[in-house]
Amino acid sequence: MPLKLDQPRKKQLISLTPLIDVVFILLLFFMLTSSFVAWRVLDTPLSAPQAEVIPEQDRQDPAMFELRANDGLVWFDGQSIAVENSERIRSIVQDNQGRLFVLQAEDSVSLQSLMTLADQLKLQGAEKLSIANAFSETQP
């Protein structure tokens, strides 16, 4: 009687357990290494206000802050102030309580610098902010 050496091999199924383990390890890695920042919303008008909408108290001369470059300095009444100098900005805001603060930026100033200054003013108690040249360009 001859021996059958060629026995049929059973088909081996591919196990999905190692694949699932790798996927969970990658998921865990990306969840632990990513950072979630709480987004803050800054209200900015989408259209220029009409002249009759502006209250009488806002028609007085506004307090002008001027950003000339992305160097962390802001100009107020001819003096340069560091944006991080919260004590000086707080004293300016308290001295001009109730006035409109206008942020005027040169063309080369980034939006991040402008928003950093606006955020600093809001943190120090400024209630009314406006961006001076936001509506200067005509829409096509």
N, C-alpha and C. Protein backbone atom coordinates (compact mmCIF):
# COMPACT_ATOMS: atom_id res chain seq x y z
N MET A 1 0.84 -1.14 0.00
CA MET A 1 0.00 0.00 0.00
C MET A 1 0.91 1.23 0.00
N PRO A 2 0.68 2.05 -0.99
CA PRO A 2 1.54 3.24 -1.08
C PRO A 2 1.11 4.31 -0.06
N LEU A 3 2.08 5.02 0.41
CA LEU A 3 1.81 6.11 1.36
C LEU A 3 1.53 7.40 0.61
N LYS A 4 0.57 8.06 1.07
CA LYS A 4 0.27 9.37 0.46
C LYS A 4 1.01 10.43 1.27
N LEU A 5 2.03 10.94 0.68
CA LEU A 5 2.79 11.99 1.35
C LEU A 5 2.21 13.37 1.06
N ASP A 6 1.50 13.49 0.02
CA ASP A 6 0.89 14.77 -0.34
C ASP A 6 -0.49 14.88 0.29
N GLN A 7 -0.51 15.21 1.50
CA GLN A 7 -1.80 15.38 2.14
C GLN A 7 -2.31 16.79 1.85
N PRO A 8 -3.57 16.88 1.61
CA PRO A 8 -4.10 18.23 1.31
C PRO A 8 -3.94 19.14 2.53
N ARG A 9 -3.40 20.31 2.23
CA ARG A 9 -3.19 21.28 3.31
C ARG A 9 -4.48 22.07 3.54
N LYS A 10 -4.74 22.29 4.75
CA LYS A 10 -5.90 23.10 5.07
C LYS A 10 -5.56 24.56 4.77
N LYS A 11 -6.53 25.24 4.24
CA LYS A 11 -6.34 26.65 3.95
C LYS A 11 -6.30 27.42 5.26
N GLN A 12 -5.23 28.21 5.43
CA GLN A 12 -5.13 28.99 6.66
C GLN A 12 -5.80 30.34 6.45
N LEU A 13 -6.62 30.71 7.38
CA LEU A 13 -7.28 32.00 7.31
C LEU A 13 -6.38 33.08 7.89
N ILE A 14 -6.43 34.23 7.30
CA ILE A 14 -5.63 35.36 7.80
C ILE A 14 -6.33 35.93 9.02
N SER A 15 -5.58 36.05 10.07
CA SER A 15 -6.14 36.57 11.31
C SER A 15 -6.14 38.10 11.27
N LEU A 16 -7.25 38.70 11.64
CA LEU A 16 -7.37 40.16 11.65
C LEU A 16 -6.99 40.77 12.99
N THR A 17 -6.71 39.96 13.95
CA THR A 17 -6.38 40.47 15.28
C THR A 17 -5.13 41.35 15.28
N PRO A 18 -4.02 40.96 14.64
CA PRO A 18 -2.86 41.86 14.62
C PRO A 18 -3.15 43.18 13.90
N LEU A 19 -3.96 43.14 12.84
CA LEU A 19 -4.30 44.36 12.12
C LEU A 19 -5.11 45.30 13.02
N ILE A 20 -6.05 44.77 13.75
CA ILE A 20 -6.86 45.58 14.65
C ILE A 20 -5.99 46.16 15.76
N ASP A 21 -5.05 45.38 16.27
CA ASP A 21 -4.14 45.87 17.30
C ASP A 21 -3.32 47.06 16.78
N VAL A 22 -2.81 46.95 15.57
CA VAL A 22 -2.02 48.04 14.99
C VAL A 22 -2.87 49.28 14.79
N VAL A 23 -4.09 49.13 14.34
CA VAL A 23 -4.98 50.27 14.13
C VAL A 23 -5.27 50.96 15.46
N PHE A 24 -5.53 50.20 16.50
CA PHE A 24 -5.79 50.82 17.80
C PHE A 24 -4.56 51.50 18.36
N ILE A 25 -3.39 50.96 18.14
CA ILE A 25 -2.16 51.60 18.60
C ILE A 25 -1.95 52.92 17.86
N LEU A 26 -2.20 52.95 16.55
CA LEU A 26 -2.08 54.19 15.79
C LEU A 26 -3.12 55.21 16.24
N LEU A 27 -4.32 54.76 16.48
CA LEU A 27 -5.36 55.66 16.96
C LEU A 27 -4.99 56.27 18.30
N LEU A 28 -4.49 55.44 19.19
CA LEU A 28 -4.07 55.91 20.50
C LEU A 28 -2.91 56.90 20.38
N PHE A 29 -1.97 56.62 19.51
CA PHE A 29 -0.82 57.51 19.31
C PHE A 29 -1.28 58.88 18.83
N PHE A 30 -2.14 58.94 17.82
CA PHE A 30 -2.58 60.22 17.29
C PHE A 30 -3.49 60.97 18.26
N MET A 31 -4.25 60.24 19.06
CA MET A 31 -5.08 60.92 20.05
C MET A 31 -4.23 61.55 21.15
N LEU A 32 -3.16 60.90 21.55
CA LEU A 32 -2.33 61.42 22.62
C LEU A 32 -1.38 62.51 22.15
N THR A 33 -0.99 62.50 20.90
CA THR A 33 -0.03 63.50 20.42
C THR A 33 -0.68 64.74 19.85
N SER A 34 -1.95 64.69 19.54
CA SER A 34 -2.61 65.88 19.01
C SER A 34 -3.06 66.77 20.17
N SER A 35 -3.15 68.05 19.89
CA SER A 35 -3.60 68.97 20.92
C SER A 35 -4.91 69.61 20.46
N PHE A 36 -5.80 69.74 21.40
CA PHE A 36 -7.09 70.34 21.13
C PHE A 36 -7.13 71.69 21.81
N VAL A 37 -7.27 72.74 21.03
CA VAL A 37 -7.28 74.09 21.54
C VAL A 37 -8.72 74.59 21.57
N ALA A 38 -9.07 75.21 22.65
CA ALA A 38 -10.40 75.81 22.72
C ALA A 38 -10.40 77.05 21.84
N TRP A 39 -11.24 77.06 20.84
CA TRP A 39 -11.29 78.18 19.90
C TRP A 39 -12.06 79.33 20.52
N ARG A 40 -11.54 80.52 20.32
CA ARG A 40 -12.23 81.71 20.78
C ARG A 40 -12.78 82.45 19.58
N VAL A 41 -13.93 83.00 19.73
CA VAL A 41 -14.58 83.70 18.64
C VAL A 41 -14.51 85.19 18.91
N LEU A 42 -14.08 85.93 17.92
CA LEU A 42 -14.04 87.37 18.01
C LEU A 42 -15.06 87.92 17.04
N ASP A 43 -16.02 88.66 17.56
CA ASP A 43 -17.06 89.20 16.70
C ASP A 43 -16.49 90.29 15.80
N THR A 44 -16.63 90.10 14.52
CA THR A 44 -16.24 91.12 13.55
C THR A 44 -17.42 91.35 12.64
N PRO A 45 -17.72 92.59 12.33
CA PRO A 45 -18.86 92.86 11.47
C PRO A 45 -18.60 92.39 10.04
N LEU A 46 -19.65 91.95 9.37
CA LEU A 46 -19.50 91.48 7.99
C LEU A 46 -19.76 92.59 6.98
N SER A 47 -20.35 93.68 7.41
CA SER A 47 -20.56 94.81 6.52
C SER A 47 -20.38 96.09 7.31
N ALA A 48 -20.06 97.15 6.59
CA ALA A 48 -19.84 98.43 7.24
C ALA A 48 -21.15 98.95 7.82
N PRO A 49 -21.13 99.48 9.03
CA PRO A 49 -22.37 99.98 9.61
C PRO A 49 -22.83 101.25 8.90
N GLN A 50 -24.12 101.46 8.88
CA GLN A 50 -24.69 102.67 8.30
C GLN A 50 -24.44 103.84 9.25
N ALA A 51 -24.40 105.04 8.73
CA ALA A 51 -24.10 106.22 9.53
C ALA A 51 -25.16 106.44 10.61
N GLU A 52 -26.42 106.16 10.31
CA GLU A 52 -27.47 106.39 11.29
C GLU A 52 -27.49 105.33 12.40
N VAL A 53 -26.80 104.21 12.20
CA VAL A 53 -26.77 103.15 13.20
C VAL A 53 -25.78 103.46 14.31
N ILE A 54 -24.77 104.28 14.03
CA ILE A 54 -23.72 104.57 15.00
C ILE A 54 -24.30 105.43 16.13
N PRO A 55 -24.20 104.99 17.39
CA PRO A 55 -24.72 105.78 18.50
C PRO A 55 -23.96 107.10 18.64
N GLU A 56 -24.60 108.05 19.28
CA GLU A 56 -24.01 109.39 19.44
C GLU A 56 -22.71 109.35 20.25
N GLN A 57 -22.65 108.46 21.24
CA GLN A 57 -21.44 108.40 22.07
C GLN A 57 -20.24 107.87 21.30
N ASP A 58 -20.45 107.11 20.23
CA ASP A 58 -19.33 106.59 19.43
C ASP A 58 -18.84 107.59 18.39
N ARG A 59 -19.51 108.71 18.26
CA ARG A 59 -19.10 109.70 17.26
C ARG A 59 -17.96 110.57 17.77
N GLN A 60 -17.58 110.43 19.01
CA GLN A 60 -16.43 111.17 19.51
C GLN A 60 -15.16 110.58 18.92
N ASP A 61 -14.06 111.28 19.09
CA ASP A 61 -12.80 110.82 18.51
C ASP A 61 -12.43 109.47 19.09
N PRO A 62 -12.15 108.49 18.24
CA PRO A 62 -11.79 107.16 18.75
C PRO A 62 -10.34 107.12 19.20
N ALA A 63 -10.03 106.14 20.01
CA ALA A 63 -8.65 105.89 20.42
C ALA A 63 -8.01 105.02 19.34
N MET A 64 -6.99 105.53 18.67
CA MET A 64 -6.38 104.85 17.53
C MET A 64 -5.14 104.06 17.95
N PHE A 65 -5.14 102.79 17.61
CA PHE A 65 -3.97 101.93 17.75
C PHE A 65 -3.46 101.63 16.35
N GLU A 66 -2.18 101.79 16.13
CA GLU A 66 -1.63 101.62 14.79
C GLU A 66 -0.56 100.52 14.80
N LEU A 67 -0.76 99.54 13.93
CA LEU A 67 0.23 98.47 13.75
C LEU A 67 0.99 98.77 12.46
N ARG A 68 2.30 98.95 12.58
CA ARG A 68 3.11 99.29 11.41
C ARG A 68 3.88 98.10 10.86
N ALA A 69 4.15 97.13 11.70
CA ALA A 69 4.91 95.95 11.28
C ALA A 69 4.54 94.78 12.19
N ASN A 70 5.06 93.62 11.86
CA ASN A 70 4.82 92.41 12.65
C ASN A 70 5.89 92.23 13.73
N ASP A 71 6.27 93.32 14.38
CA ASP A 71 7.36 93.25 15.36
C ASP A 71 6.88 93.21 16.80
N GLY A 72 5.56 93.13 17.02
CA GLY A 72 5.04 93.05 18.38
C GLY A 72 4.86 94.41 19.03
N LEU A 73 4.98 95.49 18.24
CA LEU A 73 4.80 96.83 18.78
C LEU A 73 3.55 97.45 18.18
N VAL A 74 2.88 98.24 19.00
CA VAL A 74 1.71 98.99 18.56
C VAL A 74 1.95 100.45 18.92
N TRP A 75 1.48 101.35 18.09
CA TRP A 75 1.67 102.78 18.32
C TRP A 75 0.37 103.38 18.80
N PHE A 76 0.46 104.13 19.91
CA PHE A 76 -0.70 104.84 20.47
C PHE A 76 -0.23 106.22 20.91
N ASP A 77 -0.85 107.26 20.38
CA ASP A 77 -0.47 108.65 20.67
C ASP A 77 1.01 108.91 20.46
N GLY A 78 1.58 108.36 19.39
CA GLY A 78 2.98 108.61 19.06
C GLY A 78 3.98 107.80 19.87
N GLN A 79 3.52 106.93 20.73
CA GLN A 79 4.41 106.11 21.55
C GLN A 79 4.26 104.65 21.14
N SER A 80 5.39 103.94 21.12
CA SER A 80 5.32 102.52 20.81
C SER A 80 5.15 101.73 22.11
N ILE A 81 4.26 100.75 22.05
CA ILE A 81 3.95 99.91 23.21
C ILE A 81 4.04 98.47 22.75
N ALA A 82 4.64 97.61 23.55
CA ALA A 82 4.68 96.18 23.24
C ALA A 82 3.28 95.61 23.45
N VAL A 83 2.85 94.76 22.52
CA VAL A 83 1.52 94.16 22.62
C VAL A 83 1.41 93.32 23.89
N GLU A 84 2.51 92.72 24.33
CA GLU A 84 2.51 91.89 25.53
C GLU A 84 2.49 92.71 26.81
N ASN A 85 2.66 94.03 26.72
CA ASN A 85 2.67 94.89 27.91
C ASN A 85 1.23 95.11 28.37
N SER A 86 0.68 94.15 29.08
CA SER A 86 -0.72 94.18 29.45
C SER A 86 -1.03 95.30 30.45
N GLU A 87 -0.08 95.66 31.29
CA GLU A 87 -0.32 96.71 32.28
C GLU A 87 -0.51 98.06 31.60
N ARG A 88 0.33 98.36 30.61
CA ARG A 88 0.21 99.64 29.88
C ARG A 88 -1.09 99.68 29.07
N ILE A 89 -1.42 98.57 28.43
CA ILE A 89 -2.65 98.53 27.64
C ILE A 89 -3.87 98.62 28.55
N ARG A 90 -3.81 98.00 29.72
CA ARG A 90 -4.92 98.10 30.68
C ARG A 90 -5.12 99.54 31.13
N SER A 91 -4.02 100.26 31.38
CA SER A 91 -4.16 101.66 31.80
C SER A 91 -4.73 102.53 30.68
N ILE A 92 -4.36 102.25 29.43
CA ILE A 92 -4.93 102.99 28.30
C ILE A 92 -6.42 102.71 28.19
N VAL A 93 -6.81 101.45 28.34
CA VAL A 93 -8.23 101.08 28.24
C VAL A 93 -9.02 101.73 29.37
N GLN A 94 -8.47 101.74 30.57
CA GLN A 94 -9.18 102.35 31.70
C GLN A 94 -9.28 103.87 31.56
N ASP A 95 -8.24 104.51 31.00
CA ASP A 95 -8.28 105.95 30.78
C ASP A 95 -9.28 106.34 29.70
N ASN A 96 -9.54 105.45 28.75
CA ASN A 96 -10.44 105.73 27.64
C ASN A 96 -11.69 104.86 27.72
N GLN A 97 -12.19 104.63 28.92
CA GLN A 97 -13.35 103.77 29.12
C GLN A 97 -14.55 104.32 28.35
N GLY A 98 -15.22 103.45 27.60
CA GLY A 98 -16.41 103.85 26.86
C GLY A 98 -16.12 104.36 25.46
N ARG A 99 -14.86 104.60 25.13
CA ARG A 99 -14.53 105.07 23.79
C ARG A 99 -14.36 103.90 22.84
N LEU A 100 -14.44 104.22 21.58
CA LEU A 100 -14.24 103.24 20.53
C LEU A 100 -12.74 103.11 20.27
N PHE A 101 -12.23 101.89 20.26
CA PHE A 101 -10.82 101.63 19.96
C PHE A 101 -10.72 101.18 18.51
N VAL A 102 -9.96 101.92 17.73
CA VAL A 102 -9.81 101.63 16.31
C VAL A 102 -8.43 101.06 16.07
N LEU A 103 -8.38 99.91 15.40
CA LEU A 103 -7.12 99.26 15.07
C LEU A 103 -6.83 99.53 13.61
N GLN A 104 -5.72 100.21 13.37
CA GLN A 104 -5.34 100.53 12.00
C GLN A 104 -4.03 99.80 11.71
N ALA A 105 -4.01 99.05 10.62
CA ALA A 105 -2.84 98.24 10.29
C ALA A 105 -2.33 98.59 8.90
N GLU A 106 -1.01 98.56 8.76
CA GLU A 106 -0.40 98.74 7.44
C GLU A 106 -0.67 97.50 6.60
N ASP A 107 -0.40 97.59 5.30
CA ASP A 107 -0.66 96.46 4.41
C ASP A 107 0.20 95.25 4.72
N SER A 108 1.40 95.46 5.25
CA SER A 108 2.32 94.34 5.49
C SER A 108 2.05 93.60 6.80
N VAL A 109 1.14 94.10 7.62
CA VAL A 109 0.85 93.48 8.92
C VAL A 109 -0.02 92.25 8.71
N SER A 110 0.34 91.18 9.39
CA SER A 110 -0.41 89.93 9.25
C SER A 110 -1.69 90.00 10.09
N LEU A 111 -2.63 89.17 9.70
CA LEU A 111 -3.90 89.10 10.43
C LEU A 111 -3.68 88.60 11.85
N GLN A 112 -2.69 87.74 12.06
CA GLN A 112 -2.41 87.23 13.39
C GLN A 112 -1.99 88.36 14.33
N SER A 113 -1.16 89.29 13.85
CA SER A 113 -0.75 90.42 14.69
C SER A 113 -1.94 91.30 15.05
N LEU A 114 -2.82 91.50 14.08
CA LEU A 114 -4.01 92.31 14.31
C LEU A 114 -4.94 91.64 15.33
N MET A 115 -5.15 90.34 15.21
CA MET A 115 -6.02 89.62 16.14
C MET A 115 -5.39 89.50 17.53
N THR A 116 -4.06 89.44 17.60
CA THR A 116 -3.38 89.40 18.89
C THR A 116 -3.62 90.71 19.64
N LEU A 117 -3.51 91.83 18.93
CA LEU A 117 -3.78 93.13 19.56
C LEU A 117 -5.24 93.24 19.96
N ALA A 118 -6.16 92.83 19.10
CA ALA A 118 -7.59 92.88 19.43
C ALA A 118 -7.90 92.01 20.64
N ASP A 119 -7.29 90.84 20.71
CA ASP A 119 -7.50 89.94 21.84
C ASP A 119 -6.95 90.56 23.13
N GLN A 120 -5.79 91.19 23.05
CA GLN A 120 -5.20 91.83 24.23
C GLN A 120 -6.09 92.98 24.72
N LEU A 121 -6.64 93.76 23.79
CA LEU A 121 -7.53 94.85 24.20
C LEU A 121 -8.80 94.31 24.85
N LYS A 122 -9.37 93.25 24.29
CA LYS A 122 -10.57 92.65 24.88
C LYS A 122 -10.29 92.09 26.27
N LEU A 123 -9.12 91.47 26.44
CA LEU A 123 -8.76 90.93 27.75
C LEU A 123 -8.59 92.02 28.79
N GLN A 124 -8.17 93.20 28.37
CA GLN A 124 -7.94 94.29 29.30
C GLN A 124 -9.18 95.14 29.54
N GLY A 125 -10.32 94.78 28.92
CA GLY A 125 -11.57 95.44 29.25
C GLY A 125 -12.15 96.34 28.17
N ALA A 126 -11.55 96.39 27.00
CA ALA A 126 -12.11 97.22 25.93
C ALA A 126 -13.41 96.60 25.44
N GLU A 127 -14.43 97.45 25.31
CA GLU A 127 -15.74 96.94 24.93
C GLU A 127 -16.04 97.13 23.45
N LYS A 128 -15.50 98.20 22.86
CA LYS A 128 -15.82 98.52 21.47
C LYS A 128 -14.53 98.55 20.66
N LEU A 129 -14.44 97.64 19.70
CA LEU A 129 -13.27 97.57 18.81
C LEU A 129 -13.74 97.70 17.37
N SER A 130 -12.89 98.31 16.57
CA SER A 130 -13.17 98.42 15.15
C SER A 130 -11.86 98.32 14.39
N ILE A 131 -11.93 97.73 13.21
CA ILE A 131 -10.75 97.65 12.34
C ILE A 131 -10.92 98.75 11.31
N ALA A 132 -9.95 99.67 11.24
CA ALA A 132 -10.13 100.91 10.47
C ALA A 132 -10.26 100.68 8.98
N ASN A 133 -9.39 99.91 8.40
CA ASN A 133 -9.38 99.79 6.94
C ASN A 133 -9.94 98.46 6.47
N ALA A 134 -10.87 97.89 7.21
CA ALA A 134 -11.43 96.60 6.82
C ALA A 134 -12.34 96.73 5.61
N PHE A 135 -12.97 97.89 5.42
CA PHE A 135 -13.94 98.06 4.35
C PHE A 135 -13.48 99.10 3.34
N SER A 136 -12.16 99.33 3.26
CA SER A 136 -11.68 100.38 2.37
C SER A 136 -11.67 99.96 0.91
N GLU A 137 -11.55 98.65 0.63
CA GLU A 137 -11.53 98.20 -0.74
C GLU A 137 -12.96 98.03 -1.25
N THR A 138 -13.16 98.37 -2.51
CA THR A 138 -14.48 98.21 -3.09
C THR A 138 -14.67 96.78 -3.52
N GLN A 139 -15.85 96.28 -3.33
CA GLN A 139 -16.17 94.91 -3.71
C GLN A 139 -16.56 94.89 -5.19
N PRO A 140 -16.10 93.88 -5.98
CA PRO A 140 -16.44 93.83 -7.41
C PRO A 140 -17.90 93.47 -7.63
